[in-house]
Protein backbone atom coordinates (compact mmCIF):
# COMPACT_ATOMS: atom_id res chain seq x y z
CA MET A 1 -38.12 -244.02 35.28
CA ILE A 2 -34.95 -242.45 36.72
CA GLY A 3 -35.17 -238.68 37.14
CA HIS A 4 -31.65 -238.07 38.35
CA VAL A 5 -28.67 -239.71 39.98
CA THR A 6 -26.90 -237.65 42.64
CA ILE A 7 -23.27 -237.95 43.63
CA GLY A 8 -21.51 -235.96 46.32
CA GLY A 9 -18.20 -234.20 45.99
CA SER A 10 -15.96 -231.63 47.59
CA ASP A 11 -15.32 -229.27 44.63
CA LEU A 12 -18.55 -228.51 42.80
CA HIS A 13 -16.88 -226.10 40.36
CA LYS A 14 -14.40 -228.74 39.13
CA ALA A 15 -17.06 -231.47 39.06
CA LYS A 16 -19.43 -229.37 36.95
CA ALA A 17 -16.67 -228.49 34.48
CA PHE A 18 -15.59 -232.13 34.20
CA TYR A 19 -19.06 -233.63 33.61
CA LEU A 20 -20.20 -230.84 31.29
CA GLU A 21 -17.16 -231.46 29.09
CA GLN A 22 -17.19 -235.26 29.46
CA PHE A 23 -20.82 -235.69 28.38
CA GLY A 24 -21.27 -232.63 26.19
CA ALA A 25 -24.15 -231.75 28.49
CA LYS A 26 -25.69 -228.51 29.67
CA LEU A 27 -26.17 -227.12 33.15
CA ASN A 28 -29.93 -227.36 33.71
CA ILE A 29 -30.13 -226.13 37.32
CA ASP A 30 -27.44 -224.60 39.56
CA MET A 31 -28.37 -223.90 43.18
CA ASN A 32 -24.92 -223.25 44.73
CA ARG A 33 -24.47 -226.53 46.65
CA ILE A 34 -26.26 -228.72 44.08
CA ALA A 35 -26.26 -228.69 40.29
CA PHE A 36 -28.21 -230.73 37.72
CA ILE A 37 -26.58 -231.61 34.39
CA GLY A 38 -28.39 -233.13 31.42
CA THR A 39 -28.18 -233.69 27.71
CA GLU A 40 -31.81 -232.96 26.80
CA ASP A 41 -35.00 -231.76 28.46
CA GLY A 42 -36.93 -234.53 30.21
CA ALA A 43 -33.99 -236.97 30.16
CA THR A 44 -32.28 -238.44 33.21
CA MET A 45 -29.92 -235.92 34.81
CA LEU A 46 -26.72 -236.15 36.79
CA SER A 47 -26.87 -234.18 40.02
CA LEU A 48 -23.68 -233.05 41.76
CA CYS A 49 -23.79 -231.82 45.34
CA LEU A 50 -21.77 -230.78 48.33
CA PRO A 51 -22.61 -232.65 51.57
CA TYR A 52 -25.39 -230.86 53.45
CA ASN A 53 -23.49 -230.96 56.76
CA GLY A 54 -20.31 -229.48 55.21
CA GLU A 55 -18.22 -232.53 56.07
CA SER A 56 -16.10 -234.52 53.62
CA PRO A 57 -18.11 -236.47 51.03
CA LEU A 58 -18.41 -240.18 51.76
CA PRO A 59 -20.34 -242.91 49.93
CA SER A 60 -23.19 -242.53 52.43
CA LYS A 61 -23.50 -238.74 52.03
CA GLY A 62 -25.23 -237.15 49.06
CA ASN A 63 -25.68 -240.21 46.87
CA MET A 64 -29.18 -241.10 45.70
CA ILE A 65 -31.33 -242.10 42.78
CA ALA A 66 -34.59 -240.22 42.18
CA LEU A 67 -37.37 -242.14 40.45
CA THR A 68 -40.02 -240.42 38.34
CA PRO A 69 -43.29 -242.31 38.83
CA GLY A 70 -45.31 -240.30 36.31
CA SER A 71 -48.13 -238.98 38.48
CA LYS A 72 -49.19 -238.14 42.02
CA GLU A 73 -51.56 -241.10 41.93
CA ALA A 74 -48.68 -243.44 41.08
CA VAL A 75 -46.68 -242.05 44.01
CA ASN A 76 -49.61 -242.60 46.39
CA SER A 77 -50.16 -246.13 45.09
CA LEU A 78 -46.50 -247.05 45.46
CA TYR A 79 -46.36 -245.50 48.92
CA LYS A 80 -49.36 -247.55 50.09
CA ARG A 81 -47.90 -250.75 48.62
CA LEU A 82 -44.56 -250.19 50.34
CA LEU A 83 -46.21 -249.70 53.74
CA ILE A 84 -47.98 -253.05 53.62
């Protein structure tokens, strides 16, 4: 159900080192300003990112939860239901 949880930070290098050690996880994806850390393929990941606008990270910048609906049809169905 949850694909990844993203938290923002100001030092991606330190954050990656901390969470990799803390959870015994592996770095699944590293794209310079965002990195995805997980313990196994297909499991929920922790995403760490630098704020897009380059400003200091705040609770309203860079934090999100990504849901995995399972299929494109499920996304379309949910989208239609939310618009009603």
